[in-house]
C-alpha atoms as a PDB file:
ATOM      1  CA  MET A   1     123.357 288.785  -0.880  1.00  0.00           C
ATOM      2  CA  ARG A   2     123.540 285.599  -1.250  1.00  0.00           C
ATOM      3  CA  ARG A   3     126.111 283.574  -1.746  1.00  0.00           C
ATOM      4  CA  TYR A   4     127.051 281.437  -4.734  1.00  0.00           C
ATOM      5  CA  ARG A   5     130.012 278.336  -5.532  1.00  0.00           C
ATOM      6  CA  LEU A   6     130.534 278.481 -10.085  1.00  0.00           C
ATOM      7  CA  PRO A   7     133.096 277.776 -11.575  1.00  0.00           C
ATOM      8  CA  ILE A   8     135.382 281.572 -13.149  1.00  0.00           C
ATOM      9  CA  PRO A   9     138.181 282.083 -14.654  1.00  0.00           C
ATOM     10  CA  TYR A  10     139.895 283.683 -11.765  1.00  0.00           C
ATOM     11  CA  LYS A  11     142.736 281.567 -10.442  1.00  0.00           C
ATOM     12  CA  THR A  12     143.477 280.751 -14.260  1.00  0.00           C
ATOM     13  CA  LEU A  13     144.752 283.979 -14.265  1.00  0.00           C
ATOM     14  CA  THR A  14     148.663 285.540 -13.914  1.00  0.00           C
ATOM     15  CA  ASP A  15     149.740 287.492 -11.355  1.00  0.00           C
ATOM     16  CA  ASP A  16     150.926 290.015 -14.310  1.00  0.00           C
ATOM     17  CA  GLN A  17     147.040 289.576 -15.578  1.00  0.00           C
ATOM     18  CA  ARG A  18     145.966 290.280 -12.171  1.00  0.00           C
ATOM     19  CA  ARG A  19     147.906 292.933 -11.451  1.00  0.00           C
ATOM     20  CA  ALA A  20     146.740 294.356 -15.194  1.00  0.00           C
ATOM     21  CA  VAL A  21     143.259 293.861 -13.969  1.00  0.00           C
ATOM     22  CA  TYR A  22     143.705 295.993 -10.957  1.00  0.00           C
ATOM     23  CA  GLN A  23     145.900 298.779 -12.521  1.00  0.00           C
ATOM     24  CA  ALA A  24     143.449 299.453 -15.460  1.00  0.00           C
ATOM     25  CA  LEU A  25     140.046 299.446 -13.668  1.00  0.00           C
ATOM     26  CA  LYS A  26     141.544 301.108  -9.617  1.00  0.00           C
ATOM     27  CA  GLY A  27     140.207 304.436 -10.153  1.00  0.00           C
ATOM     28  CA  GLN A  28     137.614 304.109 -12.105  1.00  0.00           C
ATOM     29  CA  ALA A  29     135.194 304.949  -8.837  1.00  0.00           C
ATOM     30  CA  THR A  30     131.391 302.820 -10.279  1.00  0.00           C
ATOM     31  CA  GLY A  31     129.437 304.313  -7.147  1.00  0.00           C
ATOM     32  CA  PRO A  32     129.320 303.894  -3.371  1.00  0.00           C
ATOM     33  CA  GLU A  33     131.587 301.965  -0.910  1.00  0.00           C
ATOM     34  CA  PHE A  34     130.057 298.838  -0.528  1.00  0.00           C
ATOM     35  CA  ASN A  35     131.350 295.160   0.653  1.00  0.00           C
ATOM     36  CA  ALA A  36     131.169 291.749  -1.153  1.00  0.00           C
ATOM     37  CA  ASP A  37     133.327 288.696  -1.530  1.00  0.00           C
ATOM     38  CA  VAL A  38     133.669 286.107  -4.321  1.00  0.00           C
ATOM     39  CA  GLY A  39     130.095 284.069  -4.907  1.00  0.00           C
ATOM     40  CA  VAL A  40     127.848 286.841  -3.445  1.00  0.00           C
ATOM     41  CA  GLU A  41     125.832 288.516  -5.707  1.00  0.00           C
ATOM     42  CA  LEU A  42     125.069 291.964  -6.231  1.00  0.00           C
ATOM     43  CA  PRO A  43     122.296 293.851  -5.930  1.00  0.00           C
ATOM     44  CA  PRO A  44     120.687 295.171  -9.077  1.00  0.00           C
ATOM     45  CA  ALA A  45     121.559 298.713  -6.984  1.00  0.00           C
ATOM     46  CA  VAL A  46     125.010 298.417  -7.663  1.00  0.00           C
ATOM     47  CA  GLU A  47     126.749 299.996 -11.037  1.00  0.00           C
ATOM     48  CA  LEU A  48     128.202 297.503 -13.115  1.00  0.00           C
ATOM     49  CA  ARG A  49     130.436 298.107 -16.063  1.00  0.00           C
ATOM     50  CA  PRO A  50     132.131 295.990 -18.362  1.00  0.00           C
ATOM     51  CA  VAL A  51     135.555 295.413 -18.486  1.00  0.00           C
ATOM     52  CA  PRO A  52     136.810 297.501 -20.887  1.00  0.00           C
ATOM     53  CA  ALA A  53     138.492 296.072 -24.270  1.00  0.00           C
ATOM     54  CA  GLU A  54     141.767 297.476 -24.165  1.00  0.00           C
ATOM     55  CA  LEU A  55     142.179 295.258 -20.887  1.00  0.00           C
ATOM     56  CA  ALA A  56     139.664 292.226 -22.536  1.00  0.00           C
ATOM     57  CA  ALA A  57     141.805 292.583 -25.612  1.00  0.00           C
ATOM     58  CA  HIS A  58     145.293 291.813 -22.998  1.00  0.00           C
ATOM     59  CA  VAL A  59     143.697 289.656 -20.586  1.00  0.00           C
ATOM     60  CA  LEU A  60     140.987 287.624 -22.548  1.00  0.00           C
ATOM     61  CA  GLN A  61     139.522 285.607 -19.629  1.00  0.00           C
ATOM     62  CA  THR A  62     137.632 289.107 -18.669  1.00  0.00           C
ATOM     63  CA  ARG A  63     136.310 289.627 -21.677  1.00  0.00           C
ATOM     64  CA  GLU A  64     132.368 288.551 -20.969  1.00  0.00           C
ATOM     65  CA  TYR A  65     132.487 289.850 -17.121  1.00  0.00           C
ATOM     66  CA  SER A  66     131.643 293.601 -15.726  1.00  0.00           C
ATOM     67  CA  TYR A  67     133.440 295.256 -13.120  1.00  0.00           C
ATOM     68  CA  ALA A  68     132.440 297.024 -10.053  1.00  0.00           C
ATOM     69  CA  VAL A  69     135.212 299.304  -8.052  1.00  0.00           C
ATOM     70  CA  THR A  70     134.537 299.728  -4.157  1.00  0.00           C
ATOM     71  CA  GLY A  71     136.939 301.743  -1.962  1.00  0.00           C
ATOM     72  CA  ASP A  72     140.701 300.068  -3.193  1.00  0.00           C
ATOM     73  CA  ARG A  73     138.830 296.834  -4.039  1.00  0.00           C
ATOM     74  CA  VAL A  74     138.084 296.051  -7.885  1.00  0.00           C
ATOM     75  CA  LEU A  75     135.422 292.623  -7.887  1.00  0.00           C
ATOM     76  CA  LEU A  76     135.039 290.693 -11.234  1.00  0.00           C
ATOM     77  CA  VAL A  77     130.860 290.445 -12.169  1.00  0.00           C
ATOM     78  CA  GLY A  78     129.719 287.517 -13.767  1.00  0.00           C
ATOM     79  CA  THR A  79     126.493 287.638 -16.112  1.00  0.00           C
ATOM     80  CA  SER A  80     124.568 287.105 -12.916  1.00  0.00           C
ATOM     81  CA  ARG A  81     125.962 289.894 -10.948  1.00  0.00           C
ATOM     82  CA  ILE A  82     127.652 287.511  -8.923  1.00  0.00           C
ATOM     83  CA  VAL A  83     131.596 287.939  -7.709  1.00  0.00           C
ATOM     84  CA  THR A  84     134.141 286.147  -9.644  1.00  0.00           C
ATOM     85  CA  GLY A  85     137.430 287.991  -8.726  1.00  0.00           C
ATOM     86  CA  VAL A  86     138.525 290.518  -5.991  1.00  0.00           C
ATOM     87  CA  PHE A  87     141.612 292.543  -6.225  1.00  0.00           C
ATOM     88  CA  VAL A  88     143.252 294.541  -3.333  1.00  0.00           C
ATOM     89  CA  ASP A  89     146.617 296.347  -4.673  1.00  0.00           C
ATOM     90  CA  ALA A  90     148.727 295.504  -8.259  1.00  0.00           C
ATOM     91  CA  ASN A  91     150.495 292.659  -6.011  1.00  0.00           C
ATOM     92  CA  VAL A  92     148.437 289.835  -4.331  1.00  0.00           C
ATOM     93  CA  PRO A  93     144.191 289.507  -4.656  1.00  0.00           C
ATOM     94  CA  THR A  94     142.351 289.613  -1.188  1.00  0.00           C
ATOM     95  CA  SER A  95     139.843 285.983  -2.528  1.00  0.00           C
ATOM     96  CA  GLU A  96     140.494 283.637  -5.004  1.00  0.00           C
ATOM     97  CA  GLY A  97     138.082 281.964  -6.939  1.00  0.00           C
ATOM     98  CA  ARG A  98     135.865 278.963  -6.213  1.00  0.00           C
ATOM     99  CA  ARG A  99     135.293 275.820  -8.575  1.00  0.00           C
ATOM    100  CA  GLY A 100     131.876 274.108  -7.975  1.00  0.00           C
ATOM    101  CA  PRO A 101     131.465 271.157  -6.588  1.00  0.00           C
END
């Protein structure tokens, strides 16, 4: 998997919005477990689902994104299959998005 640096809305999410993303998506497994972090391009074999409309209405920054769930991690994924946010529990994400050069 390749790593990228790109501007993302992840850092603009409040703690409440991060909790809302995790809570809304954590139980929706999307396939076998895999390991990925912010900036990694996911392979085509990883199933992505669009962020549900109800969540996107509550957390507007997620409306153009997809997600994948692996184990206890929720991955927010951009249109080019690049992970833009990793949420592990309702309080603190494991990774923070980075801004590009």
